N, C-alpha and C. Protein backbone atom coordinates (compact mmCIF):
# COMPACT_ATOMS: atom_id res chain seq x y z
N MET A 1 2.04 -11.67 -23.39
CA MET A 1 1.72 -10.24 -23.36
C MET A 1 0.59 -10.02 -22.37
N PHE A 2 0.75 -9.03 -21.51
CA PHE A 2 -0.29 -8.78 -20.52
C PHE A 2 -1.42 -7.98 -21.12
N GLY A 3 -2.50 -7.84 -20.36
CA GLY A 3 -3.74 -7.27 -20.83
C GLY A 3 -3.61 -5.95 -21.56
N PHE A 4 -4.17 -5.89 -22.73
CA PHE A 4 -4.14 -4.71 -23.57
C PHE A 4 -4.71 -3.50 -22.84
N TRP A 5 -5.85 -3.65 -22.18
CA TRP A 5 -6.52 -2.51 -21.53
C TRP A 5 -5.76 -2.03 -20.31
N VAL A 6 -5.13 -2.93 -19.58
CA VAL A 6 -4.32 -2.51 -18.44
C VAL A 6 -3.13 -1.69 -18.94
N ARG A 7 -2.50 -2.16 -19.99
CA ARG A 7 -1.37 -1.43 -20.58
C ARG A 7 -1.82 -0.04 -21.04
N LYS A 8 -2.96 0.04 -21.71
CA LYS A 8 -3.47 1.32 -22.19
C LYS A 8 -3.75 2.27 -21.02
N ASP A 9 -4.32 1.75 -19.94
CA ASP A 9 -4.58 2.59 -18.76
C ASP A 9 -3.28 3.12 -18.17
N ILE A 10 -2.27 2.28 -18.06
CA ILE A 10 -0.98 2.71 -17.53
C ILE A 10 -0.39 3.78 -18.42
N GLU A 11 -0.45 3.59 -19.73
CA GLU A 11 0.08 4.59 -20.67
C GLU A 11 -0.69 5.91 -20.57
N THR A 12 -1.99 5.83 -20.36
CA THR A 12 -2.80 7.04 -20.20
C THR A 12 -2.35 7.81 -18.97
N TYR A 13 -2.19 7.13 -17.84
CA TYR A 13 -1.76 7.80 -16.61
C TYR A 13 -0.35 8.38 -16.78
N ALA A 14 0.52 7.68 -17.46
CA ALA A 14 1.89 8.17 -17.68
C ALA A 14 1.88 9.44 -18.53
N ALA A 15 0.88 9.59 -19.38
CA ALA A 15 0.81 10.76 -20.25
C ALA A 15 0.20 11.98 -19.56
N TRP A 16 -0.43 11.83 -18.44
CA TRP A 16 -1.08 12.96 -17.78
C TRP A 16 -0.16 14.15 -17.55
N PRO A 17 1.05 13.97 -17.05
CA PRO A 17 1.88 15.16 -16.79
C PRO A 17 2.17 15.96 -18.05
N THR A 18 2.34 15.29 -19.17
CA THR A 18 2.68 16.00 -20.40
C THR A 18 1.44 16.63 -21.03
N GLU A 19 0.27 16.12 -20.70
CA GLU A 19 -0.96 16.66 -21.27
C GLU A 19 -1.60 17.71 -20.36
N SER A 20 -1.14 17.78 -19.12
CA SER A 20 -1.72 18.69 -18.14
C SER A 20 -0.94 19.99 -18.11
N SER A 21 -1.62 21.08 -17.86
CA SER A 21 -0.94 22.36 -17.73
C SER A 21 -0.34 22.52 -16.33
N ASN A 22 -0.68 21.64 -15.41
CA ASN A 22 -0.18 21.73 -14.04
C ASN A 22 0.59 20.45 -13.71
N SER A 23 1.90 20.48 -13.83
CA SER A 23 2.70 19.29 -13.57
C SER A 23 2.69 18.87 -12.11
N ASP A 24 2.20 19.74 -11.20
CA ASP A 24 2.08 19.35 -9.79
C ASP A 24 1.06 18.24 -9.61
N LEU A 25 0.20 18.07 -10.59
CA LEU A 25 -0.83 17.03 -10.53
C LEU A 25 -0.38 15.74 -11.20
N ALA A 26 0.89 15.66 -11.54
CA ALA A 26 1.41 14.50 -12.25
C ALA A 26 1.30 13.23 -11.42
N VAL A 27 1.04 12.13 -12.09
CA VAL A 27 1.00 10.82 -11.46
C VAL A 27 2.44 10.31 -11.40
N ARG A 28 2.87 9.83 -10.24
CA ARG A 28 4.24 9.36 -10.06
C ARG A 28 4.32 7.86 -9.81
N GLY A 29 3.21 7.17 -9.97
CA GLY A 29 3.23 5.73 -9.79
C GLY A 29 1.86 5.14 -10.02
N ILE A 30 1.77 3.84 -9.82
CA ILE A 30 0.53 3.10 -10.05
C ILE A 30 0.24 2.21 -8.84
N PHE A 31 -1.03 2.18 -8.46
CA PHE A 31 -1.52 1.35 -7.35
C PHE A 31 -2.37 0.25 -7.98
N PHE A 32 -1.90 -0.99 -7.89
CA PHE A 32 -2.64 -2.12 -8.43
C PHE A 32 -3.44 -2.77 -7.32
N ASP A 33 -4.74 -2.55 -7.33
CA ASP A 33 -5.63 -3.11 -6.32
C ASP A 33 -5.97 -4.56 -6.67
N GLU A 34 -6.36 -5.32 -5.67
CA GLU A 34 -6.76 -6.72 -5.86
C GLU A 34 -5.65 -7.57 -6.46
N ALA A 35 -4.40 -7.29 -6.08
CA ALA A 35 -3.27 -8.10 -6.55
C ALA A 35 -3.38 -9.50 -5.95
N PRO A 36 -2.84 -10.49 -6.63
CA PRO A 36 -2.94 -11.87 -6.11
C PRO A 36 -2.09 -12.07 -4.86
N GLN A 37 -2.50 -13.01 -4.04
CA GLN A 37 -1.69 -13.37 -2.88
C GLN A 37 -1.22 -14.82 -2.95
N GLN A 38 -1.99 -15.67 -3.64
CA GLN A 38 -1.57 -17.06 -3.83
C GLN A 38 -0.64 -17.12 -5.03
N TYR A 39 0.47 -17.80 -4.89
CA TYR A 39 1.49 -17.80 -5.94
C TYR A 39 1.08 -18.60 -7.17
N SER A 40 1.38 -18.00 -8.31
CA SER A 40 1.40 -18.73 -9.58
C SER A 40 2.46 -18.04 -10.44
N ALA A 41 3.20 -18.82 -11.18
CA ALA A 41 4.25 -18.26 -12.04
C ALA A 41 3.66 -17.28 -13.04
N GLN A 42 2.49 -17.59 -13.58
CA GLN A 42 1.83 -16.71 -14.55
C GLN A 42 1.48 -15.36 -13.92
N SER A 43 0.96 -15.37 -12.70
CA SER A 43 0.61 -14.12 -12.02
C SER A 43 1.85 -13.30 -11.71
N LEU A 44 2.91 -13.96 -11.28
CA LEU A 44 4.16 -13.24 -10.98
C LEU A 44 4.71 -12.60 -12.25
N THR A 45 4.71 -13.31 -13.35
CA THR A 45 5.19 -12.76 -14.62
C THR A 45 4.33 -11.56 -15.04
N TYR A 46 3.03 -11.69 -14.89
CA TYR A 46 2.10 -10.61 -15.23
C TYR A 46 2.40 -9.37 -14.40
N LEU A 47 2.53 -9.52 -13.08
CA LEU A 47 2.82 -8.38 -12.21
C LEU A 47 4.19 -7.76 -12.53
N GLN A 48 5.17 -8.60 -12.78
CA GLN A 48 6.50 -8.08 -13.10
C GLN A 48 6.48 -7.30 -14.41
N ASN A 49 5.73 -7.79 -15.40
CA ASN A 49 5.60 -7.07 -16.68
C ASN A 49 4.93 -5.71 -16.48
N LEU A 50 3.91 -5.66 -15.62
CA LEU A 50 3.26 -4.38 -15.34
C LEU A 50 4.23 -3.42 -14.65
N THR A 51 4.97 -3.93 -13.69
CA THR A 51 5.96 -3.10 -12.98
C THR A 51 7.02 -2.59 -13.95
N ASP A 52 7.51 -3.46 -14.82
CA ASP A 52 8.52 -3.06 -15.80
C ASP A 52 8.00 -1.94 -16.70
N LEU A 53 6.74 -2.04 -17.11
CA LEU A 53 6.14 -1.00 -17.95
C LEU A 53 6.10 0.33 -17.21
N VAL A 54 5.64 0.32 -15.97
CA VAL A 54 5.58 1.55 -15.17
C VAL A 54 6.97 2.17 -15.04
N LYS A 55 7.96 1.34 -14.79
CA LYS A 55 9.33 1.83 -14.59
C LYS A 55 9.94 2.41 -15.87
N GLU A 56 9.55 1.88 -17.02
CA GLU A 56 10.16 2.35 -18.27
C GLU A 56 9.48 3.59 -18.85
N LEU A 57 8.24 3.86 -18.47
CA LEU A 57 7.53 5.03 -19.00
C LEU A 57 8.00 6.29 -18.27
N LYS A 58 8.47 7.25 -19.02
CA LYS A 58 9.04 8.48 -18.45
C LYS A 58 8.00 9.38 -17.78
N GLY A 59 6.74 9.21 -18.11
CA GLY A 59 5.69 10.06 -17.55
C GLY A 59 5.51 9.93 -16.05
N PHE A 60 6.03 8.86 -15.45
CA PHE A 60 5.92 8.66 -14.01
C PHE A 60 7.12 9.23 -13.26
N GLY A 61 7.96 9.96 -13.94
CA GLY A 61 9.16 10.49 -13.31
C GLY A 61 10.32 9.55 -13.53
N SER A 62 11.38 9.77 -12.78
CA SER A 62 12.60 9.01 -13.01
C SER A 62 12.47 7.53 -12.62
N ASN A 63 11.54 7.21 -11.74
CA ASN A 63 11.39 5.82 -11.31
C ASN A 63 9.99 5.63 -10.75
N GLY A 64 9.01 5.39 -11.62
CA GLY A 64 7.62 5.25 -11.19
C GLY A 64 7.47 4.30 -10.00
N PHE A 65 6.64 4.68 -9.05
CA PHE A 65 6.44 3.90 -7.83
C PHE A 65 5.29 2.93 -8.04
N VAL A 66 5.50 1.67 -7.72
CA VAL A 66 4.49 0.63 -7.93
C VAL A 66 4.07 0.03 -6.59
N VAL A 67 2.75 0.04 -6.36
CA VAL A 67 2.18 -0.55 -5.16
C VAL A 67 1.24 -1.67 -5.58
N HIS A 68 1.39 -2.83 -4.95
CA HIS A 68 0.45 -3.94 -5.13
C HIS A 68 -0.38 -4.04 -3.86
N ASN A 69 -1.67 -4.25 -4.04
CA ASN A 69 -2.55 -4.37 -2.89
C ASN A 69 -3.33 -5.68 -2.92
N PRO A 70 -2.74 -6.75 -2.37
CA PRO A 70 -3.54 -7.96 -2.18
C PRO A 70 -4.41 -7.83 -0.93
N GLY A 71 -4.09 -6.86 -0.07
CA GLY A 71 -4.86 -6.64 1.16
C GLY A 71 -4.58 -7.66 2.23
N ALA A 72 -3.67 -8.56 1.96
CA ALA A 72 -3.28 -9.62 2.90
C ALA A 72 -1.83 -9.99 2.58
N VAL A 73 -1.23 -10.76 3.44
CA VAL A 73 0.15 -11.17 3.21
C VAL A 73 0.20 -12.10 2.01
N PRO A 74 0.89 -11.68 0.94
CA PRO A 74 0.99 -12.53 -0.24
C PRO A 74 2.15 -13.50 -0.13
N ASP A 75 2.20 -14.42 -1.03
CA ASP A 75 3.37 -15.28 -1.14
C ASP A 75 4.58 -14.36 -1.30
N SER A 76 5.65 -14.63 -0.58
CA SER A 76 6.81 -13.73 -0.55
C SER A 76 7.47 -13.55 -1.91
N ARG A 77 7.24 -14.45 -2.85
CA ARG A 77 7.83 -14.31 -4.19
C ARG A 77 7.28 -13.09 -4.94
N TYR A 78 6.12 -12.58 -4.52
CA TYR A 78 5.55 -11.39 -5.16
C TYR A 78 6.20 -10.09 -4.69
N LEU A 79 6.80 -10.09 -3.52
CA LEU A 79 7.25 -8.84 -2.91
C LEU A 79 8.26 -8.07 -3.76
N ALA A 80 9.13 -8.75 -4.45
CA ALA A 80 10.15 -8.08 -5.25
C ALA A 80 9.58 -7.41 -6.50
N SER A 81 8.34 -7.72 -6.86
CA SER A 81 7.77 -7.17 -8.09
C SER A 81 7.07 -5.83 -7.86
N ALA A 82 7.22 -5.24 -6.66
CA ALA A 82 6.61 -3.94 -6.36
C ALA A 82 7.53 -3.16 -5.43
N ASP A 83 7.35 -1.85 -5.44
CA ASP A 83 8.08 -1.01 -4.49
C ASP A 83 7.46 -1.10 -3.10
N SER A 84 6.16 -1.34 -3.06
CA SER A 84 5.44 -1.46 -1.80
C SER A 84 4.27 -2.44 -1.99
N THR A 85 3.98 -3.18 -0.93
CA THR A 85 2.87 -4.14 -0.97
C THR A 85 2.01 -3.96 0.27
N VAL A 86 0.71 -3.79 0.06
CA VAL A 86 -0.23 -3.67 1.17
C VAL A 86 -0.51 -5.07 1.70
N VAL A 87 -0.02 -5.35 2.92
CA VAL A 87 -0.18 -6.69 3.50
C VAL A 87 -1.36 -6.76 4.47
N PHE A 88 -1.96 -5.60 4.75
CA PHE A 88 -3.17 -5.59 5.57
C PHE A 88 -3.99 -4.38 5.17
N GLU A 89 -5.29 -4.62 4.97
CA GLU A 89 -6.25 -3.55 4.71
C GLU A 89 -7.55 -3.98 5.37
N GLY A 90 -7.84 -3.37 6.51
CA GLY A 90 -9.04 -3.77 7.23
C GLY A 90 -9.23 -2.99 8.51
N THR A 91 -10.14 -3.51 9.33
CA THR A 91 -10.50 -2.83 10.57
C THR A 91 -9.46 -3.04 11.66
N TYR A 92 -9.52 -2.18 12.63
CA TYR A 92 -8.67 -2.26 13.82
C TYR A 92 -8.84 -3.62 14.50
N THR A 93 -10.09 -4.04 14.66
CA THR A 93 -10.37 -5.32 15.32
C THR A 93 -9.74 -6.47 14.55
N SER A 94 -9.87 -6.46 13.24
CA SER A 94 -9.28 -7.52 12.42
C SER A 94 -7.75 -7.50 12.52
N PHE A 95 -7.16 -6.30 12.55
CA PHE A 95 -5.70 -6.21 12.69
C PHE A 95 -5.27 -6.82 14.02
N GLN A 96 -5.98 -6.51 15.08
CA GLN A 96 -5.64 -7.06 16.40
C GLN A 96 -5.75 -8.59 16.40
N GLU A 97 -6.79 -9.11 15.75
CA GLU A 97 -6.95 -10.56 15.68
C GLU A 97 -5.82 -11.21 14.89
N ARG A 98 -5.45 -10.62 13.77
CA ARG A 98 -4.37 -11.20 12.95
C ARG A 98 -3.02 -11.07 13.63
N GLN A 99 -2.79 -9.94 14.28
CA GLN A 99 -1.53 -9.76 15.01
C GLN A 99 -1.45 -10.79 16.13
N GLY A 100 -2.55 -10.98 16.85
CA GLY A 100 -2.59 -11.96 17.93
C GLY A 100 -2.40 -13.39 17.43
N ALA A 101 -2.84 -13.64 16.21
CA ALA A 101 -2.70 -14.98 15.62
C ALA A 101 -1.36 -15.14 14.92
N ASN A 102 -0.52 -14.11 15.00
CA ASN A 102 0.82 -14.13 14.40
C ASN A 102 0.78 -14.37 12.88
N LEU A 103 -0.21 -13.81 12.21
CA LEU A 103 -0.33 -14.01 10.77
C LEU A 103 0.71 -13.22 9.97
N PHE A 104 1.43 -12.32 10.62
CA PHE A 104 2.44 -11.54 9.92
C PHE A 104 3.85 -12.12 10.08
N THR A 105 3.98 -13.22 10.80
CA THR A 105 5.31 -13.77 11.08
C THR A 105 5.97 -14.40 9.85
N ASP A 106 5.20 -14.69 8.81
CA ASP A 106 5.78 -15.28 7.60
C ASP A 106 6.49 -14.28 6.72
N ILE A 107 6.37 -12.99 7.03
CA ILE A 107 7.02 -11.97 6.22
C ILE A 107 8.48 -11.87 6.63
N PRO A 108 9.39 -12.03 5.68
CA PRO A 108 10.81 -11.87 6.02
C PRO A 108 11.09 -10.46 6.54
N ASP A 109 11.85 -10.36 7.63
CA ASP A 109 12.16 -9.06 8.24
C ASP A 109 12.77 -8.08 7.26
N SER A 110 13.56 -8.58 6.33
CA SER A 110 14.24 -7.70 5.38
C SER A 110 13.27 -6.97 4.46
N ASN A 111 12.04 -7.44 4.35
CA ASN A 111 11.06 -6.83 3.45
C ASN A 111 10.16 -5.80 4.13
N ARG A 112 10.29 -5.59 5.42
CA ARG A 112 9.39 -4.71 6.15
C ARG A 112 9.33 -3.32 5.53
N THR A 113 10.44 -2.82 5.00
CA THR A 113 10.46 -1.47 4.42
C THR A 113 9.65 -1.38 3.13
N GLN A 114 9.28 -2.49 2.55
CA GLN A 114 8.46 -2.52 1.34
C GLN A 114 6.99 -2.75 1.65
N LEU A 115 6.62 -2.79 2.92
CA LEU A 115 5.27 -3.21 3.27
C LEU A 115 4.43 -2.06 3.82
N CYS A 116 3.13 -2.18 3.58
CA CYS A 116 2.17 -1.15 3.95
C CYS A 116 0.97 -1.80 4.62
N ALA A 117 0.35 -1.06 5.55
CA ALA A 117 -0.90 -1.50 6.17
C ALA A 117 -1.86 -0.33 6.23
N VAL A 118 -3.14 -0.64 6.05
CA VAL A 118 -4.22 0.33 6.17
C VAL A 118 -5.14 -0.20 7.25
N ILE A 119 -5.22 0.54 8.36
CA ILE A 119 -6.06 0.13 9.49
C ILE A 119 -7.11 1.20 9.68
N HIS A 120 -8.37 0.82 9.51
CA HIS A 120 -9.46 1.79 9.68
C HIS A 120 -10.40 1.32 10.79
N SER A 121 -11.36 2.14 11.11
CA SER A 121 -12.36 1.85 12.14
C SER A 121 -11.73 1.66 13.51
N VAL A 122 -10.67 2.44 13.78
CA VAL A 122 -10.06 2.41 15.10
C VAL A 122 -11.02 3.10 16.06
N PRO A 123 -11.35 2.49 17.19
CA PRO A 123 -12.28 3.14 18.13
C PRO A 123 -11.76 4.51 18.56
N ASP A 124 -12.68 5.45 18.76
CA ASP A 124 -12.30 6.81 19.18
C ASP A 124 -11.56 6.81 20.51
N THR A 125 -11.76 5.78 21.30
CA THR A 125 -11.09 5.70 22.60
C THR A 125 -9.60 5.37 22.48
N VAL A 126 -9.18 4.92 21.29
CA VAL A 126 -7.76 4.62 21.07
C VAL A 126 -7.08 5.94 20.70
N GLU A 127 -6.43 6.55 21.68
CA GLU A 127 -5.73 7.82 21.51
C GLU A 127 -4.57 7.87 22.49
N GLY A 128 -3.78 8.89 22.41
CA GLY A 128 -2.65 9.05 23.33
C GLY A 128 -1.73 7.85 23.32
N SER A 129 -1.45 7.32 24.50
CA SER A 129 -0.50 6.20 24.61
C SER A 129 -1.01 4.94 23.91
N GLU A 130 -2.33 4.76 23.87
CA GLU A 130 -2.88 3.60 23.16
C GLU A 130 -2.65 3.70 21.65
N LEU A 131 -2.84 4.89 21.10
CA LEU A 131 -2.59 5.09 19.67
C LEU A 131 -1.09 4.95 19.40
N ARG A 132 -0.26 5.48 20.28
CA ARG A 132 1.18 5.33 20.14
C ARG A 132 1.55 3.85 20.14
N GLY A 133 0.93 3.06 21.01
CA GLY A 133 1.17 1.62 21.05
C GLY A 133 0.75 0.93 19.77
N LEU A 134 -0.39 1.35 19.20
CA LEU A 134 -0.86 0.77 17.95
C LEU A 134 0.11 1.07 16.81
N VAL A 135 0.58 2.31 16.75
CA VAL A 135 1.55 2.68 15.71
C VAL A 135 2.82 1.86 15.88
N LYS A 136 3.30 1.75 17.10
CA LYS A 136 4.53 0.98 17.37
C LYS A 136 4.34 -0.49 17.00
N GLN A 137 3.21 -1.06 17.39
CA GLN A 137 2.90 -2.46 17.08
C GLN A 137 2.83 -2.67 15.57
N SER A 138 2.19 -1.75 14.87
CA SER A 138 2.02 -1.86 13.42
C SER A 138 3.35 -1.71 12.69
N ARG A 139 4.19 -0.82 13.17
CA ARG A 139 5.47 -0.57 12.49
C ARG A 139 6.45 -1.72 12.68
N LYS A 140 6.14 -2.65 13.57
CA LYS A 140 6.94 -3.88 13.66
C LYS A 140 6.66 -4.78 12.46
N VAL A 141 5.50 -4.59 11.84
CA VAL A 141 5.09 -5.38 10.69
C VAL A 141 5.39 -4.65 9.39
N VAL A 142 5.10 -3.35 9.34
CA VAL A 142 5.21 -2.57 8.10
C VAL A 142 5.93 -1.26 8.35
N ASP A 143 6.43 -0.68 7.28
CA ASP A 143 7.07 0.62 7.37
C ASP A 143 6.10 1.73 6.97
N GLU A 144 5.24 1.47 5.99
CA GLU A 144 4.26 2.44 5.52
C GLU A 144 2.93 2.12 6.17
N LEU A 145 2.29 3.13 6.75
CA LEU A 145 1.13 2.87 7.58
C LEU A 145 0.11 3.99 7.45
N TYR A 146 -1.15 3.61 7.37
CA TYR A 146 -2.26 4.56 7.39
C TYR A 146 -3.24 4.06 8.44
N ILE A 147 -3.47 4.87 9.45
CA ILE A 147 -4.41 4.53 10.51
C ILE A 147 -5.44 5.64 10.59
N THR A 148 -6.71 5.26 10.68
CA THR A 148 -7.77 6.24 10.83
C THR A 148 -8.86 5.72 11.76
N HIS A 149 -9.49 6.64 12.43
CA HIS A 149 -10.61 6.29 13.29
C HIS A 149 -11.92 6.24 12.48
N LEU A 150 -11.88 6.70 11.26
CA LEU A 150 -13.08 6.68 10.42
C LEU A 150 -13.46 5.25 10.05
N SER A 151 -14.74 4.98 10.01
CA SER A 151 -15.21 3.65 9.60
C SER A 151 -15.92 3.68 8.25
N THR A 152 -16.19 4.88 7.74
CA THR A 152 -16.74 5.03 6.40
C THR A 152 -15.95 6.15 5.70
N ASP A 153 -15.88 6.07 4.42
CA ASP A 153 -15.18 7.09 3.62
C ASP A 153 -13.77 7.36 4.12
N TYR A 154 -13.10 6.33 4.60
CA TYR A 154 -11.77 6.53 5.20
C TYR A 154 -10.69 6.80 4.16
N TYR A 155 -10.99 6.67 2.89
CA TYR A 155 -10.04 7.08 1.86
C TYR A 155 -10.39 8.46 1.31
N ALA A 156 -11.52 9.00 1.69
CA ALA A 156 -11.98 10.28 1.16
C ALA A 156 -11.63 11.47 2.06
N SER A 157 -11.34 11.20 3.33
CA SER A 157 -11.01 12.29 4.25
C SER A 157 -10.20 11.73 5.42
N PHE A 158 -9.72 12.64 6.24
CA PHE A 158 -8.94 12.26 7.41
C PHE A 158 -9.80 12.42 8.65
N GLY A 159 -9.59 11.56 9.64
CA GLY A 159 -10.35 11.64 10.88
C GLY A 159 -9.82 12.70 11.82
N SER A 160 -10.50 12.86 12.92
CA SER A 160 -10.14 13.88 13.91
C SER A 160 -8.81 13.62 14.59
N LYS A 161 -8.31 12.41 14.54
CA LYS A 161 -7.04 12.06 15.18
C LYS A 161 -5.87 12.06 14.17
N TRP A 162 -6.11 12.59 12.98
CA TRP A 162 -5.10 12.56 11.92
C TRP A 162 -3.79 13.21 12.35
N THR A 163 -3.85 14.39 12.92
CA THR A 163 -2.63 15.10 13.33
C THR A 163 -1.85 14.29 14.36
N GLU A 164 -2.55 13.71 15.30
CA GLU A 164 -1.88 12.87 16.31
C GLU A 164 -1.18 11.69 15.65
N PHE A 165 -1.85 11.04 14.70
CA PHE A 165 -1.25 9.92 13.97
C PHE A 165 0.00 10.37 13.21
N VAL A 166 -0.09 11.48 12.49
CA VAL A 166 1.05 11.97 11.72
C VAL A 166 2.23 12.28 12.64
N ASP A 167 1.96 12.91 13.77
CA ASP A 167 3.03 13.20 14.73
C ASP A 167 3.69 11.93 15.23
N LEU A 168 2.91 10.89 15.46
CA LEU A 168 3.48 9.60 15.92
C LEU A 168 4.32 8.95 14.85
N MET A 169 3.93 9.09 13.59
CA MET A 169 4.71 8.51 12.49
C MET A 169 6.03 9.25 12.33
N ALA A 170 6.06 10.53 12.61
CA ALA A 170 7.26 11.33 12.45
C ALA A 170 8.24 11.12 13.62
N ALA A 171 7.73 10.62 14.72
CA ALA A 171 8.58 10.46 15.92
C ALA A 171 9.56 9.32 15.76
């Protein structure tokens, strides 16, 4: 049986839509931060049990969305236990170093649609064709992508290049 408090938290979030007067604020999934990247059968079972719970609770909608965030490329056996997995969370410079070192080559191509990257602290000079190149380069690794020029509070607001980034993702 997985952690009592984690289960209670998931159940609390699943109950929000029914307890709230505004269903537009409903939670439709769970983001598990600090997910493991090194394989262990016990960790895989734990993550799968959490995913199963999210999927069976009706409060998350017809099929609650589950994201695991190890922040790095995990053992590929974990990928099936989530709808999306964050395989990179870090600075632009670090992404360039890892891309150059081919650290993403171990990810099976068939899983790219389940993968996410968060790249922050992109220099302000990266815009136009350079930003387009970064988006293109990143989308070879992941399907879901968040890029920002902000180096602080990058989850609290959008940077000045947000519209340009969104337009590139839609293209």
